PDB file of N, CA and C in Angstrom:
ATOM      1  N   UNK A   1       0.610  -1.041  -0.098  1.00  0.00           N
ATOM      2  CA  UNK A   1      -0.536   0.028   0.207  1.00  0.00           C
ATOM      3  C   UNK A   1       0.625   1.446  -0.489  1.00  0.00           C
ATOM      4  N   UNK A   2       0.657   2.344  -0.694  1.00  0.00           N
ATOM      5  CA  UNK A   2       1.826   3.905  -1.077  1.00  0.00           C
ATOM      6  C   UNK A   2       0.888   4.480   0.296  1.00  0.00           C
ATOM      7  N   UNK A   3       2.493   4.732   0.791  1.00  0.00           N
ATOM      8  CA  UNK A   3       1.580   6.083   1.818  1.00  0.00           C
ATOM      9  C   UNK A   3       1.281   7.490   0.631  1.00  0.00           C
ATOM     10  N   UNK A   4       0.195   8.017   2.174  1.00  0.00           N
ATOM     11  CA  UNK A   4       0.201   9.173   1.581  1.00  0.00           C
ATOM     12  C   UNK A   4       1.234  10.469   1.239  1.00  0.00           C
ATOM     13  N   UNK A   5       0.926  11.321   0.108  1.00  0.00           N
ATOM     14  CA  UNK A   5       2.122  11.732   0.258  1.00  0.00           C
ATOM     15  C   UNK A   5       2.855  13.130   0.814  1.00  0.00           C
ATOM     16  N   UNK A   6       1.970  13.152   2.143  1.00  0.00           N
ATOM     17  CA  UNK A   6       2.082  13.469   3.401  1.00  0.00           C
ATOM     18  C   UNK A   6       2.928  12.379   4.363  1.00  0.00           C
ATOM     19  N   UNK A   7       3.488  11.813   4.004  1.00  0.00           N
ATOM     20  CA  UNK A   7       4.548  11.202   4.937  1.00  0.00           C
ATOM     21  C   UNK A   7       5.873  10.488   3.397  1.00  0.00           C
ATOM     22  N   UNK A   8       5.869  11.052   2.552  1.00  0.00           N
ATOM     23  CA  UNK A   8       6.933  10.796   1.719  1.00  0.00           C
ATOM     24  C   UNK A   8       8.258  11.479   1.771  1.00  0.00           C
ATOM     25  N   UNK A   9       8.860  11.923   3.420  1.00  0.00           N
ATOM     26  CA  UNK A   9       9.798  12.835   3.194  1.00  0.00           C
ATOM     27  C   UNK A   9      10.429  12.113   4.855  1.00  0.00           C
ATOM     28  N   UNK A  10       9.901  10.458   4.999  1.00  0.00           N
ATOM     29  CA  UNK A  10      10.179   9.764   5.972  1.00  0.00           C
ATOM     30  C   UNK A  10      12.113   9.211   5.227  1.00  0.00           C
ATOM     31  N   UNK A  11      12.594   8.904   6.242  1.00  0.00           N
ATOM     32  CA  UNK A  11      13.499   8.387   6.101  1.00  0.00           C
ATOM     33  C   UNK A  11      13.155   6.546   5.471  1.00  0.00           C
ATOM     34  N   UNK A  12      11.822   6.024   5.133  1.00  0.00           N
ATOM     35  CA  UNK A  12      11.200   5.225   4.668  1.00  0.00           C
ATOM     36  C   UNK A  12      12.228   4.689   3.017  1.00  0.00           C
ATOM     37  N   UNK A  13      12.413   3.691   2.797  1.00  0.00           N
ATOM     38  CA  UNK A  13      12.707   3.597   1.398  1.00  0.00           C
ATOM     39  C   UNK A  13      10.782   3.884   0.526  1.00  0.00           C
ATOM     40  N   UNK A  14      10.998   4.339  -0.630  1.00  0.00           N
ATOM     41  CA  UNK A  14       9.820   5.037  -1.268  1.00  0.00           C
ATOM     42  C   UNK A  14      10.261   4.016  -2.639  1.00  0.00           C
ATOM     43  N   UNK A  15       9.455   3.587  -3.393  1.00  0.00           N
ATOM     44  CA  UNK A  15       9.376   3.154  -4.636  1.00  0.00           C
ATOM     45  C   UNK A  15       7.834   3.244  -5.493  1.00  0.00           C
ATOM     46  N   UNK A  16       7.935   3.161  -6.320  1.00  0.00           N
ATOM     47  CA  UNK A  16       6.599   3.076  -7.893  1.00  0.00           C
ATOM     48  C   UNK A  16       6.312   1.835  -7.064  1.00  0.00           C
ATOM     49  N   UNK A  17       6.963   0.126  -6.651  1.00  0.00           N
ATOM     50  CA  UNK A  17       6.863  -0.703  -7.181  1.00  0.00           C
ATOM     51  C   UNK A  17       5.578  -0.802  -5.908  1.00  0.00           C
ATOM     52  N   UNK A  18       4.898   0.209  -5.152  1.00  0.00           N
ATOM     53  CA  UNK A  18       3.591  -0.368  -4.525  1.00  0.00           C
ATOM     54  C   UNK A  18       2.333   0.293  -4.834  1.00  0.00           C
ATOM     55  N   UNK A  19       2.329   0.551  -6.042  1.00  0.00           N
ATOM     56  CA  UNK A  19       1.209   1.503  -6.959  1.00  0.00           C
ATOM     57  C   UNK A  19       0.308  -0.535  -7.335  1.00  0.00           C
ATOM     58  N   UNK A  20      -0.589  -0.624  -7.856  1.00  0.00           N
ATOM     59  CA  UNK A  20      -1.145  -1.456  -8.504  1.00  0.00           C
ATOM     60  C   UNK A  20      -1.175  -1.750 -10.683  1.00  0.00           C
ATOM     61  N   UNK A  21      -0.864  -0.838 -10.968  1.00  0.00           N
ATOM     62  CA  UNK A  21      -0.613  -0.749 -12.076  1.00  0.00           C
ATOM     63  C   UNK A  21       0.334  -0.502 -12.470  1.00  0.00           C
ATOM     64  N   UNK A  22       0.970  -1.396 -13.908  1.00  0.00           N
ATOM     65  CA  UNK A  22       2.422  -0.967 -14.217  1.00  0.00           C
ATOM     66  C   UNK A  22       2.336  -0.429 -15.107  1.00  0.00           C
ATOM     67  N   UNK A  23       3.172  -0.118 -16.678  1.00  0.00           N
ATOM     68  CA  UNK A  23       3.065  -0.294 -18.021  1.00  0.00           C
ATOM     69  C   UNK A  23       3.817  -0.625 -18.308  1.00  0.00           C
ATOM     70  N   UNK A  24       3.561  -1.240 -19.667  1.00  0.00           N
ATOM     71  CA  UNK A  24       5.103  -2.289 -19.397  1.00  0.00           C
ATOM     72  C   UNK A  24       4.294  -2.205 -21.342  1.00  0.00           C
ATOM     73  N   UNK A  25       6.195  -2.106 -21.610  1.00  0.00           N
ATOM     74  CA  UNK A  25       6.147  -1.823 -23.639  1.00  0.00           C
ATOM     75  C   UNK A  25       6.574  -2.930 -23.848  1.00  0.00           C
ATOM     76  N   UNK A  26       7.567  -2.858 -25.178  1.00  0.00           N
ATOM     77  CA  UNK A  26       8.145  -2.948 -26.061  1.00  0.00           C
ATOM     78  C   UNK A  26       8.502  -2.265 -27.090  1.00  0.00           C
ATOM     79  N   UNK A  27       8.001  -0.784 -27.096  1.00  0.00           N
ATOM     80  CA  UNK A  27       8.599  -0.164 -28.431  1.00  0.00           C
ATOM     81  C   UNK A  27      10.135   0.140 -26.911  1.00  0.00           C
ATOM     82  N   UNK A  28      10.875   0.376 -27.384  1.00  0.00           N
ATOM     83  CA  UNK A  28      11.920   0.813 -26.957  1.00  0.00           C
ATOM     84  C   UNK A  28      13.366   0.910 -28.527  1.00  0.00           C
ATOM     85  N   UNK A  29      13.310   2.911 -28.200  1.00  0.00           N
ATOM     86  CA  UNK A  29      14.645   2.558 -29.386  1.00  0.00           C
ATOM     87  C   UNK A  29      15.824   1.733 -29.159  1.00  0.00           C
ATOM     88  N   UNK A  30      16.406   1.026 -27.805  1.00  0.00           N
ATOM     89  CA  UNK A  30      17.226  -0.018 -27.963  1.00  0.00           C
ATOM     90  C   UNK A  30      16.318  -1.288 -27.668  1.00  0.00           C
ATOM     91  N   UNK A  31      17.276  -1.539 -28.931  1.00  0.00           N
ATOM     92  CA  UNK A  31      16.515  -3.281 -29.192  1.00  0.00           C
ATOM     93  C   UNK A  31      16.927  -4.150 -28.549  1.00  0.00           C
ATOM     94  N   UNK A  32      18.513  -4.552 -27.353  1.00  0.00           N
ATOM     95  CA  UNK A  32      18.322  -5.413 -26.535  1.00  0.00           C
ATOM     96  C   UNK A  32      16.674  -4.760 -25.332  1.00  0.00           C
ATOM     97  N   UNK A  33      16.183  -3.597 -25.023  1.00  0.00           N
ATOM     98  CA  UNK A  33      15.223  -3.622 -23.926  1.00  0.00           C
ATOM     99  C   UNK A  33      13.486  -4.101 -24.914  1.00  0.00           C
ATOM    100  N   UNK A  34      14.132  -3.683 -25.859  1.00  0.00           N
ATOM    101  CA  UNK A  34      12.987  -3.973 -26.356  1.00  0.00           C
ATOM    102  C   UNK A  34      12.532  -5.569 -26.824  1.00  0.00           C
ATOM    103  N   UNK A  35      13.763  -6.113 -25.730  1.00  0.00           N
ATOM    104  CA  UNK A  35      13.597  -7.108 -26.675  1.00  0.00           C
ATOM    105  C   UNK A  35      13.056  -8.143 -25.697  1.00  0.00           C
ATOM    106  N   UNK A  36      13.871  -7.839 -24.673  1.00  0.00           N
ATOM    107  CA  UNK A  36      13.277  -8.678 -23.508  1.00  0.00           C
ATOM    108  C   UNK A  36      12.669  -7.889 -23.015  1.00  0.00           C
ATOM    109  N   UNK A  37      11.874  -7.434 -22.667  1.00  0.00           N
ATOM    110  CA  UNK A  37      10.461  -6.901 -22.397  1.00  0.00           C
ATOM    111  C   UNK A  37       9.759  -7.842 -22.594  1.00  0.00           C
ATOM    112  N   UNK A  38       9.490  -7.331 -24.180  1.00  0.00           N
ATOM    113  CA  UNK A  38       8.691  -8.731 -25.041  1.00  0.00           C
ATOM    114  C   UNK A  38       9.123 -10.750 -24.385  1.00  0.00           C
ATOM    115  N   UNK A  39       9.859 -10.911 -24.798  1.00  0.00           N
ATOM    116  CA  UNK A  39      10.018 -12.242 -23.377  1.00  0.00           C
ATOM    117  C   UNK A  39       9.742 -11.494 -21.805  1.00  0.00           C
ATOM    118  N   UNK A  40       9.738 -10.755 -21.565  1.00  0.00           N
ATOM    119  CA  UNK A  40       8.858 -11.080 -20.281  1.00  0.00           C
ATOM    120  C   UNK A  40       7.626 -10.865 -20.691  1.00  0.00           C
ATOM    121  N   UNK A  41       7.458 -10.470 -21.077  1.00  0.00           N
ATOM    122  CA  UNK A  41       5.953 -10.226 -21.587  1.00  0.00           C
ATOM    123  C   UNK A  41       4.910 -11.585 -21.926  1.00  0.00           C
ATOM    124  N   UNK A  42       5.751 -12.539 -22.138  1.00  0.00           N
ATOM    125  CA  UNK A  42       5.286 -13.573 -23.524  1.00  0.00           C
ATOM    126  C   UNK A  42       4.874 -14.722 -22.302  1.00  0.00           C
ATOM    127  N   UNK A  43       6.006 -13.962 -21.059  1.00  0.00           N
ATOM    128  CA  UNK A  43       5.779 -15.213 -19.279  1.00  0.00           C
ATOM    129  C   UNK A  43       4.595 -14.850 -18.882  1.00  0.00           C
ATOM    130  N   UNK A  44       4.606 -13.142 -18.717  1.00  0.00           N
ATOM    131  CA  UNK A  44       2.784 -13.343 -17.340  1.00  0.00           C
ATOM    132  C   UNK A  44       2.211 -13.935 -17.219  1.00  0.00           C
ATOM    133  N   UNK A  45       1.250 -14.706 -18.331  1.00  0.00           N
ATOM    134  CA  UNK A  45       0.822 -15.838 -18.132  1.00  0.00           C
ATOM    135  C   UNK A  45       0.631 -17.130 -17.351  1.00  0.00           C
ATOM    136  N   UNK A  46       2.039 -17.750 -17.385  1.00  0.00           N
ATOM    137  CA  UNK A  46       2.597 -18.231 -17.351  1.00  0.00           C
ATOM    138  C   UNK A  46       2.940 -17.802 -15.364  1.00  0.00           C
ATOM    139  N   UNK A  47       3.412 -16.942 -15.050  1.00  0.00           N
ATOM    140  CA  UNK A  47       3.658 -16.157 -13.961  1.00  0.00           C
ATOM    141  C   UNK A  47       2.112 -15.770 -14.067  1.00  0.00           C
ATOM    142  N   UNK A  48       1.546 -14.966 -13.642  1.00  0.00           N
ATOM    143  CA  UNK A  48      -0.178 -15.088 -13.247  1.00  0.00           C
ATOM    144  C   UNK A  48      -0.488 -17.062 -12.710  1.00  0.00           C
ATOM    145  N   UNK A  49      -0.466 -17.791 -13.589  1.00  0.00           N
ATOM    146  CA  UNK A  49      -0.641 -18.891 -12.884  1.00  0.00           C
ATOM    147  C   UNK A  49       0.199 -19.503 -12.001  1.00  0.00           C
ATOM    148  N   UNK A  50       0.995 -19.866 -12.167  1.00  0.00           N
ATOM    149  CA  UNK A  50       2.093 -20.497 -11.314  1.00  0.00           C
ATOM    150  C   UNK A  50       1.751 -19.097 -10.070  1.00  0.00           C
ATOM    151  N   UNK A  51       1.215 -18.593  -9.897  1.00  0.00           N
ATOM    152  CA  UNK A  51       1.186 -16.880  -8.335  1.00  0.00           C
ATOM    153  C   UNK A  51       0.223 -16.967  -8.185  1.00  0.00           C
ATOM    154  N   UNK A  52      -0.805 -16.881  -8.529  1.00  0.00           N
ATOM    155  CA  UNK A  52      -2.499 -17.549  -8.563  1.00  0.00           C
ATOM    156  C   UNK A  52      -3.681 -16.741  -8.605  1.00  0.00           C
ATOM    157  N   UNK A  53      -2.662 -15.692  -8.756  1.00  0.00           N
ATOM    158  CA  UNK A  53      -3.175 -14.409  -9.562  1.00  0.00           C
ATOM    159  C   UNK A  53      -3.180 -13.029 -10.830  1.00  0.00           C
ATOM    160  N   UNK A  54      -3.825 -12.925 -11.210  1.00  0.00           N
ATOM    161  CA  UNK A  54      -3.990 -12.402 -12.999  1.00  0.00           C
ATOM    162  C   UNK A  54      -3.558 -11.074 -11.820  1.00  0.00           C
ATOM    163  N   UNK A  55      -2.277 -10.138 -13.254  1.00  0.00           N
ATOM    164  CA  UNK A  55      -1.670  -9.287 -12.368  1.00  0.00           C
ATOM    165  C   UNK A  55      -1.466  -8.360 -13.582  1.00  0.00           C
ATOM    166  N   UNK A  56      -2.056  -8.060 -15.241  1.00  0.00           N
ATOM    167  CA  UNK A  56      -1.989  -8.005 -15.916  1.00  0.00           C
ATOM    168  C   UNK A  56      -2.609  -8.030 -17.718  1.00  0.00           C
ATOM    169  N   UNK A  57      -3.404  -6.745 -17.939  1.00  0.00           N
ATOM    170  CA  UNK A  57      -4.369  -6.970 -19.132  1.00  0.00           C
ATOM    171  C   UNK A  57      -3.608  -5.879 -19.957  1.00  0.00           C
ATOM    172  N   UNK A  58      -3.985  -7.006 -21.438  1.00  0.00           N
ATOM    173  CA  UNK A  58      -3.603  -5.607 -22.328  1.00  0.00           C
ATOM    174  C   UNK A  58      -4.621  -5.296 -23.219  1.00  0.00           C
ATOM    175  N   UNK A  59      -4.408  -3.918 -22.863  1.00  0.00           N
ATOM    176  CA  UNK A  59      -4.801  -2.941 -23.016  1.00  0.00           C
ATOM    177  C   UNK A  59      -4.317  -1.890 -24.112  1.00  0.00           C
ATOM    178  N   UNK A  60      -3.970  -2.310 -25.398  1.00  0.00           N
ATOM    179  CA  UNK A  60      -3.144  -1.460 -25.780  1.00  0.00           C
ATOM    180  C   UNK A  60      -2.594  -0.347 -25.988  1.00  0.00           C
ATOM    181  N   UNK A  61      -2.321   0.923 -27.102  1.00  0.00           N
ATOM    182  CA  UNK A  61      -1.531   1.384 -26.440  1.00  0.00           C
ATOM    183  C   UNK A  61      -1.636   2.896 -27.175  1.00  0.00           C
ATOM    184  N   UNK A  62      -1.300   4.371 -27.102  1.00  0.00           N
ATOM    185  CA  UNK A  62      -1.708   5.983 -27.535  1.00  0.00           C
ATOM    186  C   UNK A  62      -0.303   6.486 -27.985  1.00  0.00           C
ATOM    187  N   UNK A  63       0.203   6.212 -28.273  1.00  0.00           N
ATOM    188  CA  UNK A  63       2.034   7.113 -28.917  1.00  0.00           C
ATOM    189  C   UNK A  63       1.289   8.340 -29.342  1.00  0.00           C
ATOM    190  N   UNK A  64       1.743   9.845 -28.728  1.00  0.00           N
ATOM    191  CA  UNK A  64       1.554  10.764 -30.287  1.00  0.00           C
ATOM    192  C   UNK A  64       3.273  11.474 -29.488  1.00  0.00           C
ATOM    193  N   UNK A  65       3.880  12.433 -30.724  1.00  0.00           N
ATOM    194  CA  UNK A  65       4.751  12.525 -30.917  1.00  0.00           C
ATOM    195  C   UNK A  65       4.275  14.460 -31.307  1.00  0.00           C
ATOM    196  N   UNK A  66       5.016  15.169 -31.588  1.00  0.00           N
ATOM    197  CA  UNK A  66       4.750  16.175 -32.673  1.00  0.00           C
ATOM    198  C   UNK A  66       5.600  16.751 -33.536  1.00  0.00           C
ATOM    199  N   UNK A  67       5.433  17.007 -34.261  1.00  0.00           N
ATOM    200  CA  UNK A  67       6.798  17.054 -35.660  1.00  0.00           C
ATOM    201  C   UNK A  67       7.422  17.381 -35.838  1.00  0.00           C
ATOM    202  N   UNK A  68       8.947  17.564 -35.338  1.00  0.00           N
ATOM    203  CA  UNK A  68      10.148  18.083 -35.426  1.00  0.00           C
ATOM    204  C   UNK A  68      10.206  17.938 -33.545  1.00  0.00           C
ATOM    205  N   UNK A  69       9.850  17.082 -32.905  1.00  0.00           N
ATOM    206  CA  UNK A  69      10.494  17.119 -31.000  1.00  0.00           C
ATOM    207  C   UNK A  69      11.882  15.895 -31.504  1.00  0.00           C
ATOM    208  N   UNK A  70      12.140  15.604 -30.400  1.00  0.00           N
ATOM    209  CA  UNK A  70      13.636  14.934 -30.068  1.00  0.00           C
ATOM    210  C   UNK A  70      14.064  13.402 -31.580  1.00  0.00           C
ATOM    211  N   UNK A  71      12.286  13.098 -32.222  1.00  0.00           N
ATOM    212  CA  UNK A  71      12.756  11.762 -33.074  1.00  0.00           C
ATOM    213  C   UNK A  71      12.523  11.153 -32.401  1.00  0.00           C
ATOM    214  N   UNK A  72      11.553  10.662 -31.396  1.00  0.00           N
ATOM    215  CA  UNK A  72      11.587   9.030 -30.504  1.00  0.00           C
ATOM    216  C   UNK A  72      11.132   8.694 -30.694  1.00  0.00           C
ATOM    217  N   UNK A  73      10.198   8.092 -32.106  1.00  0.00           N
ATOM    218  CA  UNK A  73       8.978   8.025 -32.380  1.00  0.00           C
ATOM    219  C   UNK A  73       9.473   6.947 -33.535  1.00  0.00           C
ATOM    220  N   UNK A  74      10.963   8.191 -34.824  1.00  0.00           N
ATOM    221  CA  UNK A  74      11.596   7.913 -35.448  1.00  0.00           C
ATOM    222  C   UNK A  74      12.418   7.043 -35.624  1.00  0.00           C
ATOM    223  N   UNK A  75      13.293   6.736 -34.184  1.00  0.00           N
ATOM    224  CA  UNK A  75      14.066   5.993 -33.485  1.00  0.00           C
ATOM    225  C   UNK A  75      13.169   4.492 -33.216  1.00  0.00           C
ATOM    226  N   UNK A  76      12.073   4.862 -33.514  1.00  0.00           N
ATOM    227  CA  UNK A  76      11.082   3.667 -32.086  1.00  0.00           C
ATOM    228  C   UNK A  76      10.675   1.985 -34.085  1.00  0.00           C
ATOM    229  N   UNK A  77      10.307   3.054 -34.912  1.00  0.00           N
ATOM    230  CA  UNK A  77       9.947   2.675 -36.087  1.00  0.00           C
ATOM    231  C   UNK A  77      10.082   2.306 -36.661  1.00  0.00           C
TER     232      UNK A  77
END
């Protein structure tokens, strides 16, 4: 359970891993990271079955870029 914002300044470790939502992507300018992400996603069903709890639903994605931006999409596509 994520702590309220008022408690974030405490000396305890804080991380985004306390949330229940994850962004999972295979689009990455680095081909190795993209490949590793795809391999991991392929195993989500097996992990859910072994763990007894569903944790992933594929819902699609939206990518927005502006013309003349840093070329992030050009690197991906």
